[in-house]
Amino acid sequence: MDDTVIVGVDGSSSSLAAADVAAEEARLRGARLRVVHAFARPADLDPMIHGVLAETEQRLRERVPGMEITRTVVSGDALTVLRTESRHAVLTVLGRRGRGAFGDLLLGSTTLQLTAHGHGPVMVVRGRPDPQGPVLLAADGSPAGNAAASFAFTEARLRGAPLTAMHVWNTWSESTPYEQPGDPLSVVVDLDQLEQRHRRLLEEAVKPWTAAHPEVTVQQRLERGRVRQALLDATREAQLVVAGARGHGGVTGMLLGSVSQALLHHADCPVTVVRTLS
C-alpha cells in the first residue's frame, strides 16, 4: 500500500471540508495527498471544477507547506474511480454528501457504497467533532473490530489523543434459552455473569493494541443498552469514531452492519469504517 491519503472532491462544501481533513491526516502520517475528481460523462465536467480543484490545491499547500500534493480528474463514475484509487491509499477521505445529494440528513450514495466496497479505511467527514475529545473505538472483538482497533490506536497516537474503547452489550442478542412461560429475565439470563463475559471481551479486544501503543491513554467503557444509540451518544464528545464494517451479529453477506451505517448517517463527529479484505 502506497503512503498516500486520497480525498474525493466534487466542488461541494462537504468535499472541500473533507479535503482539509485529508490534508491534516496526510501531515500526521508524513504521507502524500492525492485530490481526485471523477466525472461520468464529458457533459458532467463542469468547467468550474478545474478552478475549484486548483483553488483547493493551493489552499492545502498554504495550509501544509512542503506536502506533496497531486490532483487528478478522471473519466468514470465516482465509485469506480475512488474504489480503484483506494487500492493505493493508506486512507480515503470523503465528505458525507456530494453535489448530487438532496436533504441535509442524507448520506451520499458514493460515500455509503465506498465504505462498503473500498479498499482500506474510509473516513467520512461529518458532524462537529470535539478537538479535545478522545478517539472513540467501537469494540466488539470481531475480525473487523480488530482491524478497526489497529487503526484507532494508530490514529490516537498520531493525534496525541486519548482513546476510549467502548463496548455496548444487551440481552436481546443472547441465545440463552427461555425455559418456560413466566421465567423472569434474571432467571433466564445471569446478568452478572453476562456482564463479566462482555467485560472480558472488551479487555481482550484492546489488549494487543494497548501493548503495542503504550503511549496512548486508554479508557475501557462498558455499557449495557442499545448499541447504536449508546455509540451515537458517545460521538458527541469524540473527535473521531472508528468502527469495523460488520461486527458480531451482522447478517452474512452484508458488507456494512447496522452499527457502522448508523454512525455514518448520524454520528456527531467524523467516522472511519475499517473492513477486512478477503
C-alpha atoms as a PDB file:
ATOM      1  CA  MET A   1       0.000   0.000   0.000  1.00  0.00           C
ATOM      2  CA  ASP A   2       1.358   3.408  -1.010  1.00  0.00           C
ATOM      3  CA  ASP A   3       1.999   6.131   1.540  1.00  0.00           C
ATOM      4  CA  THR A   4      -0.828   8.270   0.148  1.00  0.00           C
ATOM      5  CA  VAL A   5      -4.041   9.758   1.505  1.00  0.00           C
ATOM      6  CA  ILE A   6      -6.822  10.056  -1.084  1.00  0.00           C
ATOM      7  CA  VAL A   7      -9.641  12.605  -0.948  1.00  0.00           C
ATOM      8  CA  GLY A   8     -12.604  12.741  -3.313  1.00  0.00           C
ATOM      9  CA  VAL A   9     -13.548  16.291  -4.274  1.00  0.00           C
ATOM     10  CA  ASP A  10     -16.551  17.310  -6.387  1.00  0.00           C
ATOM     11  CA  GLY A  11     -16.795  21.007  -5.572  1.00  0.00           C
ATOM     12  CA  SER A  12     -19.388  20.599  -2.810  1.00  0.00           C
ATOM     13  CA  SER A  13     -18.795  22.247   0.549  1.00  0.00           C
ATOM     14  CA  SER A  14     -18.785  18.788   2.128  1.00  0.00           C
ATOM     15  CA  SER A  15     -15.974  17.562  -0.111  1.00  0.00           C
ATOM     16  CA  LEU A  16     -13.933  20.735   0.404  1.00  0.00           C
ATOM     17  CA  ALA A  17     -14.178  20.237   4.169  1.00  0.00           C
ATOM     18  CA  ALA A  18     -13.025  16.656   3.614  1.00  0.00           C
ATOM     19  CA  ALA A  19     -10.010  17.945   1.702  1.00  0.00           C
ATOM     20  CA  ASP A  20      -8.910  19.976   4.728  1.00  0.00           C
ATOM     21  CA  VAL A  21      -9.232  16.926   6.977  1.00  0.00           C
ATOM     22  CA  ALA A  22      -7.390  14.751   4.443  1.00  0.00           C
ATOM     23  CA  ALA A  23      -4.510  17.222   4.368  1.00  0.00           C
ATOM     24  CA  GLU A  24      -4.205  17.024   8.140  1.00  0.00           C
ATOM     25  CA  GLU A  25      -4.332  13.209   8.037  1.00  0.00           C
ATOM     26  CA  ALA A  26      -1.562  13.204   5.419  1.00  0.00           C
ATOM     27  CA  ARG A  27       0.502  15.619   7.519  1.00  0.00           C
ATOM     28  CA  LEU A  28       0.174  13.396  10.596  1.00  0.00           C
ATOM     29  CA  ARG A  29       1.418  10.406   8.601  1.00  0.00           C
ATOM     30  CA  GLY A  30       4.092  12.209   6.603  1.00  0.00           C
ATOM     31  CA  ALA A  31       2.175  10.994   3.558  1.00  0.00           C
ATOM     32  CA  ARG A  32       1.367  12.349   0.128  1.00  0.00           C
ATOM     33  CA  LEU A  33      -2.083  13.771  -0.619  1.00  0.00           C
ATOM     34  CA  ARG A  34      -3.976  12.983  -3.808  1.00  0.00           C
ATOM     35  CA  VAL A  35      -7.066  15.042  -4.693  1.00  0.00           C
ATOM     36  CA  VAL A  36      -9.372  13.132  -7.027  1.00  0.00           C
ATOM     37  CA  HIS A  37     -12.373  14.262  -9.077  1.00  0.00           C
ATOM     38  CA  ALA A  38     -14.365  11.835 -11.226  1.00  0.00           C
ATOM     39  CA  PHE A  39     -16.880  12.607 -13.966  1.00  0.00           C
ATOM     40  CA  ALA A  40     -19.087  10.034 -15.679  1.00  0.00           C
ATOM     41  CA  ARG A  41     -19.623  11.871 -18.983  1.00  0.00           C
ATOM     42  CA  PRO A  42     -17.853  14.798 -20.680  1.00  0.00           C
ATOM     43  CA  ALA A  43     -21.036  16.826 -20.233  1.00  0.00           C
ATOM     44  CA  ASP A  44     -20.714  16.326 -16.469  1.00  0.00           C
ATOM     45  CA  LEU A  45     -17.311  18.015 -16.331  1.00  0.00           C
ATOM     46  CA  ASP A  46     -18.224  21.481 -15.147  1.00  0.00           C
ATOM     47  CA  PRO A  47     -15.504  23.909 -16.358  1.00  0.00           C
ATOM     48  CA  MET A  48     -15.639  25.483 -12.930  1.00  0.00           C
ATOM     49  CA  ILE A  49     -14.422  22.280 -11.290  1.00  0.00           C
ATOM     50  CA  HIS A  50     -10.894  22.821 -12.598  1.00  0.00           C
ATOM     51  CA  GLY A  51     -10.870  26.194 -10.889  1.00  0.00           C
ATOM     52  CA  VAL A  52     -12.242  24.708  -7.675  1.00  0.00           C
ATOM     53  CA  LEU A  53      -9.628  21.955  -7.693  1.00  0.00           C
ATOM     54  CA  ALA A  54      -6.820  24.430  -8.382  1.00  0.00           C
ATOM     55  CA  GLU A  55      -8.011  26.692  -5.557  1.00  0.00           C
ATOM     56  CA  THR A  56      -8.342  23.716  -3.232  1.00  0.00           C
ATOM     57  CA  GLU A  57      -4.834  22.534  -4.037  1.00  0.00           C
ATOM     58  CA  GLN A  58      -3.412  25.993  -3.468  1.00  0.00           C
ATOM     59  CA  ARG A  59      -5.227  26.349  -0.138  1.00  0.00           C
ATOM     60  CA  LEU A  60      -3.941  22.979   1.024  1.00  0.00           C
ATOM     61  CA  ARG A  61      -0.374  23.843   0.010  1.00  0.00           C
ATOM     62  CA  GLU A  62      -0.604  27.001   2.083  1.00  0.00           C
ATOM     63  CA  ARG A  63      -2.151  25.065   4.957  1.00  0.00           C
ATOM     64  CA  VAL A  64       0.528  22.358   4.971  1.00  0.00           C
ATOM     65  CA  PRO A  65       3.688  23.781   3.369  1.00  0.00           C
ATOM     66  CA  GLY A  66       6.004  21.238   1.826  1.00  0.00           C
ATOM     67  CA  MET A  67       3.422  18.486   1.481  1.00  0.00           C
ATOM     68  CA  GLU A  68       3.444  16.578  -1.796  1.00  0.00           C
ATOM     69  CA  ILE A  69       0.003  17.174  -3.325  1.00  0.00           C
ATOM     70  CA  THR A  70      -1.277  15.918  -6.658  1.00  0.00           C
ATOM     71  CA  ARG A  71      -4.704  16.305  -8.207  1.00  0.00           C
ATOM     72  CA  THR A  72      -6.323  14.365 -10.967  1.00  0.00           C
ATOM     73  CA  VAL A  73      -9.550  14.499 -12.965  1.00  0.00           C
ATOM     74  CA  VAL A  74     -10.623  11.025 -14.093  1.00  0.00           C
ATOM     75  CA  SER A  75     -13.329   9.902 -16.508  1.00  0.00           C
ATOM     76  CA  GLY A  76     -15.557   7.315 -14.818  1.00  0.00           C
ATOM     77  CA  ASP A  77     -18.271   7.024 -12.207  1.00  0.00           C
ATOM     78  CA  ALA A  78     -17.163   8.257  -8.818  1.00  0.00           C
ATOM     79  CA  LEU A  79     -17.499   4.925  -7.016  1.00  0.00           C
ATOM     80  CA  THR A  80     -15.388   3.005  -9.536  1.00  0.00           C
ATOM     81  CA  VAL A  81     -12.722   5.687  -9.679  1.00  0.00           C
ATOM     82  CA  LEU A  82     -12.432   6.111  -5.917  1.00  0.00           C
ATOM     83  CA  ARG A  83     -12.518   2.371  -5.287  1.00  0.00           C
ATOM     84  CA  THR A  84      -9.616   1.948  -7.708  1.00  0.00           C
ATOM     85  CA  GLU A  85      -7.741   4.870  -6.164  1.00  0.00           C
ATOM     86  CA  SER A  86      -8.284   3.469  -2.664  1.00  0.00           C
ATOM     87  CA  ARG A  87      -6.227   0.395  -3.560  1.00  0.00           C
ATOM     88  CA  HIS A  88      -3.142   2.583  -3.332  1.00  0.00           C
ATOM     89  CA  ALA A  89      -4.038   4.605  -0.240  1.00  0.00           C
ATOM     90  CA  VAL A  90      -3.447   4.319   3.486  1.00  0.00           C
ATOM     91  CA  LEU A  91      -6.699   6.242   3.954  1.00  0.00           C
ATOM     92  CA  THR A  92      -9.521   7.537   1.754  1.00  0.00           C
ATOM     93  CA  VAL A  93     -11.374  10.638   2.957  1.00  0.00           C
ATOM     94  CA  LEU A  94     -14.821  11.732   1.759  1.00  0.00           C
ATOM     95  CA  GLY A  95     -17.456  14.303   2.603  1.00  0.00           C
ATOM     96  CA  ARG A  96     -20.754  12.944   3.823  1.00  0.00           C
ATOM     97  CA  ARG A  97     -22.623  14.004   0.700  1.00  0.00           C
ATOM     98  CA  GLY A  98     -21.768  15.440  -2.694  1.00  0.00           C
ATOM     99  CA  ARG A  99     -23.266  17.884  -5.144  1.00  0.00           C
ATOM    100  CA  GLY A 100     -25.948  15.450  -6.259  1.00  0.00           C
ATOM    101  CA  ALA A 101     -27.350  14.764  -2.793  1.00  0.00           C
ATOM    102  CA  PHE A 102     -30.569  16.278  -1.554  1.00  0.00           C
ATOM    103  CA  GLY A 103     -31.558  16.936   2.025  1.00  0.00           C
ATOM    104  CA  ASP A 104     -29.143  17.598   4.880  1.00  0.00           C
ATOM    105  CA  LEU A 105     -29.826  14.235   6.526  1.00  0.00           C
ATOM    106  CA  LEU A 106     -28.910  12.088   3.545  1.00  0.00           C
ATOM    107  CA  LEU A 107     -25.599  10.353   3.125  1.00  0.00           C
ATOM    108  CA  GLY A 108     -24.250  10.468  -0.415  1.00  0.00           C
ATOM    109  CA  SER A 109     -24.585   7.178  -2.276  1.00  0.00           C
ATOM    110  CA  THR A 110     -20.942   7.208  -3.378  1.00  0.00           C
ATOM    111  CA  THR A 111     -19.798   7.736   0.203  1.00  0.00           C
ATOM    112  CA  LEU A 112     -22.001   4.955   1.555  1.00  0.00           C
ATOM    113  CA  GLN A 113     -21.017   2.487  -1.160  1.00  0.00           C
ATOM    114  CA  LEU A 114     -17.296   3.216  -0.888  1.00  0.00           C
ATOM    115  CA  THR A 115     -17.314   2.463   2.837  1.00  0.00           C
ATOM    116  CA  ALA A 116     -18.702  -0.960   1.899  1.00  0.00           C
ATOM    117  CA  HIS A 117     -16.661  -1.643  -1.233  1.00  0.00           C
ATOM    118  CA  GLY A 118     -13.484   0.415  -0.910  1.00  0.00           C
ATOM    119  CA  HIS A 119     -10.021  -0.835  -0.077  1.00  0.00           C
ATOM    120  CA  GLY A 120      -8.600   0.127   3.278  1.00  0.00           C
ATOM    121  CA  PRO A 121     -10.022   2.556   5.843  1.00  0.00           C
ATOM    122  CA  VAL A 122     -12.558   5.147   4.654  1.00  0.00           C
ATOM    123  CA  MET A 123     -13.064   8.305   6.700  1.00  0.00           C
ATOM    124  CA  VAL A 124     -16.320  10.233   6.284  1.00  0.00           C
ATOM    125  CA  VAL A 125     -16.148  13.829   7.481  1.00  0.00           C
ATOM    126  CA  ARG A 126     -19.307  14.851   9.281  1.00  0.00           C
ATOM    127  CA  GLY A 127     -20.608  16.391  12.499  1.00  0.00           C
ATOM    128  CA  ARG A 128     -18.886  18.806  14.839  1.00  0.00           C
ATOM    129  CA  PRO A 129     -16.001  16.927  16.448  1.00  0.00           C
ATOM    130  CA  ASP A 130     -14.654  17.843  19.851  1.00  0.00           C
ATOM    131  CA  PRO A 131     -10.954  18.585  19.183  1.00  0.00           C
ATOM    132  CA  GLN A 132     -10.160  17.811  22.821  1.00  0.00           C
ATOM    133  CA  GLY A 133     -12.185  14.602  22.853  1.00  0.00           C
ATOM    134  CA  PRO A 134     -10.914  11.053  22.507  1.00  0.00           C
ATOM    135  CA  VAL A 135     -10.724   8.776  19.518  1.00  0.00           C
ATOM    136  CA  LEU A 136     -13.743   6.530  20.079  1.00  0.00           C
ATOM    137  CA  LEU A 137     -13.401   2.864  19.159  1.00  0.00           C
ATOM    138  CA  ALA A 138     -16.493   0.696  18.747  1.00  0.00           C
ATOM    139  CA  ALA A 139     -15.032  -2.522  20.155  1.00  0.00           C
ATOM    140  CA  ASP A 140     -16.729  -5.886  19.660  1.00  0.00           C
ATOM    141  CA  GLY A 141     -13.920  -8.422  19.286  1.00  0.00           C
ATOM    142  CA  SER A 142     -14.824  -9.357  15.704  1.00  0.00           C
ATOM    143  CA  PRO A 143     -12.193  -9.611  12.909  1.00  0.00           C
ATOM    144  CA  ALA A 144     -13.404  -6.283  11.511  1.00  0.00           C
ATOM    145  CA  GLY A 145     -13.294  -4.885  15.035  1.00  0.00           C
ATOM    146  CA  ASN A 146      -9.652  -5.967  15.366  1.00  0.00           C
ATOM    147  CA  ALA A 147      -8.767  -4.098  12.175  1.00  0.00           C
ATOM    148  CA  ALA A 148     -10.659  -1.072  13.475  1.00  0.00           C
ATOM    149  CA  ALA A 149      -8.779  -1.255  16.784  1.00  0.00           C
ATOM    150  CA  SER A 150      -5.441  -1.225  14.986  1.00  0.00           C
ATOM    151  CA  PHE A 151      -6.453   1.883  13.035  1.00  0.00           C
ATOM    152  CA  ALA A 152      -7.944   3.641  16.076  1.00  0.00           C
ATOM    153  CA  PHE A 153      -4.856   3.160  18.255  1.00  0.00           C
ATOM    154  CA  THR A 154      -2.591   4.385  15.457  1.00  0.00           C
ATOM    155  CA  GLU A 155      -4.833   7.399  14.913  1.00  0.00           C
ATOM    156  CA  ALA A 156      -4.846   8.241  18.625  1.00  0.00           C
ATOM    157  CA  ARG A 157      -1.050   8.029  18.692  1.00  0.00           C
ATOM    158  CA  LEU A 158      -0.718  10.296  15.656  1.00  0.00           C
ATOM    159  CA  ARG A 159      -3.140  12.842  17.095  1.00  0.00           C
ATOM    160  CA  GLY A 160      -1.723  12.683  20.603  1.00  0.00           C
ATOM    161  CA  ALA A 161      -5.261  11.960  21.785  1.00  0.00           C
ATOM    162  CA  PRO A 162      -6.669   9.568  24.383  1.00  0.00           C
ATOM    163  CA  LEU A 163      -8.668   6.577  23.199  1.00  0.00           C
ATOM    164  CA  THR A 164     -11.995   5.343  24.521  1.00  0.00           C
ATOM    165  CA  ALA A 165     -12.697   1.705  23.692  1.00  0.00           C
ATOM    166  CA  MET A 166     -16.450   1.300  24.052  1.00  0.00           C
ATOM    167  CA  HIS A 167     -18.348  -1.981  24.096  1.00  0.00           C
ATOM    168  CA  VAL A 168     -22.128  -1.987  24.431  1.00  0.00           C
ATOM    169  CA  TRP A 169     -23.958  -5.140  25.415  1.00  0.00           C
ATOM    170  CA  ASN A 170     -27.527  -6.214  25.973  1.00  0.00           C
ATOM    171  CA  THR A 171     -29.539  -9.376  26.478  1.00  0.00           C
ATOM    172  CA  TRP A 172     -31.504  -9.212  23.227  1.00  0.00           C
ATOM    173  CA  SER A 173     -28.825 -10.904  21.147  1.00  0.00           C
ATOM    174  CA  GLU A 174     -28.090 -13.634  23.694  1.00  0.00           C
ATOM    175  CA  SER A 175     -29.014 -17.213  22.865  1.00  0.00           C
ATOM    176  CA  THR A 176     -29.848 -18.316  26.426  1.00  0.00           C
ATOM    177  CA  PRO A 177     -33.000 -20.437  26.131  1.00  0.00           C
ATOM    178  CA  TYR A 178     -36.283 -19.299  27.595  1.00  0.00           C
ATOM    179  CA  GLU A 179     -37.194 -22.263  29.789  1.00  0.00           C
ATOM    180  CA  GLN A 180     -40.892 -21.765  30.469  1.00  0.00           C
ATOM    181  CA  PRO A 181     -43.626 -19.121  30.424  1.00  0.00           C
ATOM    182  CA  GLY A 182     -43.234 -16.596  33.175  1.00  0.00           C
ATOM    183  CA  ASP A 183     -39.488 -17.006  33.623  1.00  0.00           C
ATOM    184  CA  PRO A 184     -38.086 -13.603  34.636  1.00  0.00           C
ATOM    185  CA  LEU A 185     -35.096 -12.321  32.692  1.00  0.00           C
ATOM    186  CA  SER A 186     -32.883 -12.527  35.778  1.00  0.00           C
ATOM    187  CA  VAL A 187     -33.535 -16.267  35.955  1.00  0.00           C
ATOM    188  CA  VAL A 188     -33.181 -16.995  32.251  1.00  0.00           C
ATOM    189  CA  VAL A 189     -30.014 -14.885  31.971  1.00  0.00           C
ATOM    190  CA  ASP A 190     -27.399 -14.438  34.685  1.00  0.00           C
ATOM    191  CA  LEU A 191     -26.821 -10.717  34.169  1.00  0.00           C
ATOM    192  CA  ASP A 192     -23.719 -10.511  36.354  1.00  0.00           C
ATOM    193  CA  GLN A 193     -22.124 -13.404  34.522  1.00  0.00           C
ATOM    194  CA  LEU A 194     -23.111 -11.948  31.194  1.00  0.00           C
ATOM    195  CA  GLU A 195     -21.631  -8.565  32.095  1.00  0.00           C
ATOM    196  CA  GLN A 196     -18.364 -10.168  33.119  1.00  0.00           C
ATOM    197  CA  ARG A 197     -18.203 -12.054  29.828  1.00  0.00           C
ATOM    198  CA  HIS A 198     -18.589  -8.825  27.894  1.00  0.00           C
ATOM    199  CA  ARG A 199     -16.022  -7.109  30.119  1.00  0.00           C
ATOM    200  CA  ARG A 200     -13.532  -9.844  29.271  1.00  0.00           C
ATOM    201  CA  LEU A 201     -14.384  -9.450  25.580  1.00  0.00           C
ATOM    202  CA  LEU A 202     -13.608  -5.729  25.781  1.00  0.00           C
ATOM    203  CA  GLU A 203     -10.368  -6.339  27.642  1.00  0.00           C
ATOM    204  CA  GLU A 204      -9.243  -8.923  25.097  1.00  0.00           C
ATOM    205  CA  ALA A 205     -10.254  -6.677  22.182  1.00  0.00           C
ATOM    206  CA  VAL A 206      -7.880  -3.893  23.254  1.00  0.00           C
ATOM    207  CA  LYS A 207      -5.123  -5.877  24.968  1.00  0.00           C
ATOM    208  CA  PRO A 208      -2.829  -6.368  21.924  1.00  0.00           C
ATOM    209  CA  TRP A 209      -3.118  -2.716  20.949  1.00  0.00           C
ATOM    210  CA  THR A 210      -2.510  -1.253  24.404  1.00  0.00           C
ATOM    211  CA  ALA A 211       0.685  -3.307  24.488  1.00  0.00           C
ATOM    212  CA  ALA A 212       1.690  -2.079  21.024  1.00  0.00           C
ATOM    213  CA  HIS A 213       0.886   1.572  21.815  1.00  0.00           C
ATOM    214  CA  PRO A 214       1.848   2.179  25.464  1.00  0.00           C
ATOM    215  CA  GLU A 215       1.927   5.909  24.795  1.00  0.00           C
ATOM    216  CA  VAL A 216      -1.844   6.015  24.193  1.00  0.00           C
ATOM    217  CA  THR A 217      -4.038   6.663  27.229  1.00  0.00           C
ATOM    218  CA  VAL A 218      -6.910   4.179  27.084  1.00  0.00           C
ATOM    219  CA  GLN A 219     -10.277   4.164  28.803  1.00  0.00           C
ATOM    220  CA  GLN A 220     -12.326   0.981  28.605  1.00  0.00           C
ATOM    221  CA  ARG A 221     -16.027   1.807  28.642  1.00  0.00           C
ATOM    222  CA  LEU A 222     -18.578  -0.973  29.070  1.00  0.00           C
ATOM    223  CA  GLU A 223     -22.263  -0.105  28.821  1.00  0.00           C
ATOM    224  CA  ARG A 224     -25.490  -2.046  28.763  1.00  0.00           C
ATOM    225  CA  GLY A 225     -28.087  -0.691  26.375  1.00  0.00           C
ATOM    226  CA  ARG A 226     -28.952  -0.197  22.745  1.00  0.00           C
ATOM    227  CA  VAL A 227     -25.710  -0.460  20.804  1.00  0.00           C
ATOM    228  CA  ARG A 228     -26.326   2.104  18.092  1.00  0.00           C
ATOM    229  CA  GLN A 229     -27.832   4.756  20.367  1.00  0.00           C
ATOM    230  CA  ALA A 230     -25.134   4.398  23.025  1.00  0.00           C
ATOM    231  CA  LEU A 231     -22.357   4.808  20.454  1.00  0.00           C
ATOM    232  CA  LEU A 232     -24.109   7.735  18.773  1.00  0.00           C
ATOM    233  CA  ASP A 233     -24.443   9.473  22.146  1.00  0.00           C
ATOM    234  CA  ALA A 234     -20.719   8.932  22.778  1.00  0.00           C
ATOM    235  CA  THR A 235     -19.772  10.588  19.468  1.00  0.00           C
ATOM    236  CA  ARG A 236     -20.919  13.936  20.861  1.00  0.00           C
ATOM    237  CA  GLU A 237     -17.736  14.128  22.918  1.00  0.00           C
ATOM    238  CA  ALA A 238     -15.324  12.471  20.458  1.00  0.00           C
ATOM    239  CA  GLN A 239     -13.039  13.839  17.780  1.00  0.00           C
ATOM    240  CA  LEU A 240     -13.339  10.665  15.684  1.00  0.00           C
ATOM    241  CA  VAL A 241     -15.188   7.346  15.884  1.00  0.00           C
ATOM    242  CA  VAL A 242     -13.745   4.171  14.370  1.00  0.00           C
ATOM    243  CA  ALA A 243     -15.765   1.034  13.642  1.00  0.00           C
ATOM    244  CA  GLY A 244     -15.431  -2.202  11.735  1.00  0.00           C
ATOM    245  CA  ALA A 245     -17.605  -2.544   8.670  1.00  0.00           C
ATOM    246  CA  ARG A 246     -19.507  -5.503  10.092  1.00  0.00           C
ATOM    247  CA  GLY A 247     -19.085  -6.951  13.550  1.00  0.00           C
ATOM    248  CA  HIS A 248     -20.528  -9.822  15.535  1.00  0.00           C
ATOM    249  CA  GLY A 249     -24.195 -10.390  14.891  1.00  0.00           C
ATOM    250  CA  GLY A 250     -24.149  -8.944  11.384  1.00  0.00           C
ATOM    251  CA  VAL A 251     -26.116 -10.583   8.609  1.00  0.00           C
ATOM    252  CA  THR A 252     -23.928 -12.823   6.467  1.00  0.00           C
ATOM    253  CA  GLY A 253     -23.289 -11.202   3.108  1.00  0.00           C
ATOM    254  CA  MET A 254     -23.842  -7.634   4.310  1.00  0.00           C
ATOM    255  CA  LEU A 255     -20.751  -5.511   3.810  1.00  0.00           C
ATOM    256  CA  LEU A 256     -21.910  -2.799   6.200  1.00  0.00           C
ATOM    257  CA  GLY A 257     -23.514  -3.611   9.522  1.00  0.00           C
ATOM    258  CA  SER A 258     -26.287  -1.647  11.176  1.00  0.00           C
ATOM    259  CA  VAL A 259     -23.912  -0.023  13.685  1.00  0.00           C
ATOM    260  CA  SER A 260     -21.493   1.315  11.065  1.00  0.00           C
ATOM    261  CA  GLN A 261     -24.422   2.517   8.943  1.00  0.00           C
ATOM    262  CA  ALA A 262     -25.970   4.327  11.912  1.00  0.00           C
ATOM    263  CA  LEU A 263     -22.665   6.047  12.644  1.00  0.00           C
ATOM    264  CA  LEU A 264     -22.234   7.089   9.019  1.00  0.00           C
ATOM    265  CA  HIS A 265     -25.703   8.645   8.962  1.00  0.00           C
ATOM    266  CA  HIS A 266     -25.965  10.177  12.427  1.00  0.00           C
ATOM    267  CA  ALA A 267     -22.620  10.481  14.273  1.00  0.00           C
ATOM    268  CA  ASP A 268     -21.677  13.881  15.681  1.00  0.00           C
ATOM    269  CA  CYS A 269     -18.040  13.514  14.592  1.00  0.00           C
ATOM    270  CA  PRO A 270     -16.121  12.077  11.622  1.00  0.00           C
ATOM    271  CA  VAL A 271     -16.444   8.313  11.127  1.00  0.00           C
ATOM    272  CA  THR A 272     -13.799   5.879   9.902  1.00  0.00           C
ATOM    273  CA  VAL A 273     -15.023   2.486   8.722  1.00  0.00           C
ATOM    274  CA  VAL A 274     -12.405  -0.255   8.556  1.00  0.00           C
ATOM    275  CA  ARG A 275     -13.202  -3.523   6.865  1.00  0.00           C
ATOM    276  CA  THR A 276     -11.190  -6.699   6.493  1.00  0.00           C
ATOM    277  CA  LEU A 277     -10.451  -7.766   2.935  1.00  0.00           C
ATOM    278  CA  SER A 278     -10.593 -11.393   1.909  1.00  0.00           C
END
